[in-house]
Amino acid sequence: MVGILNGILLTAPEMLAFRHKLKNPEENDCKELFECLYRCWSHQPICLISLCLLSKYYEHAAQLVPRLSEIDVSVDFLREIDRLVQLIESPILSCNLFIIY
């Protein structure tokens, strides 16, 4: 369920305004919303990383990445990683990630 909601959040044109609010949760009074989504998304690590990247919590996303080694590798897990890489390369997340380098 979280994977589907994450996909909708990151790709649906109808969610554009919502994504803009989440890009700066502290400035847009959306911190509680981010925290609520974080609690739900925490059950899907790849979705959680994408939420952190979208919300510009880059350091936290970087802290989560090494924890992925604790997860058993499966086809579904690899598909999730592939989707995340595709999203990072897309305009939705790529405009934010130039800061990481």
Foldseek 3Di string as FASTA:
>chain_A
DLVVVLCCCQDPPVNPVVLVCLLAVVVNVNPVVLVVNLVVCVVPLLSNLVSCLSNVVPVVSVVSVVVCVVDDDDPVNVVSVVVSVVSCVDPSRVVRCVVVD
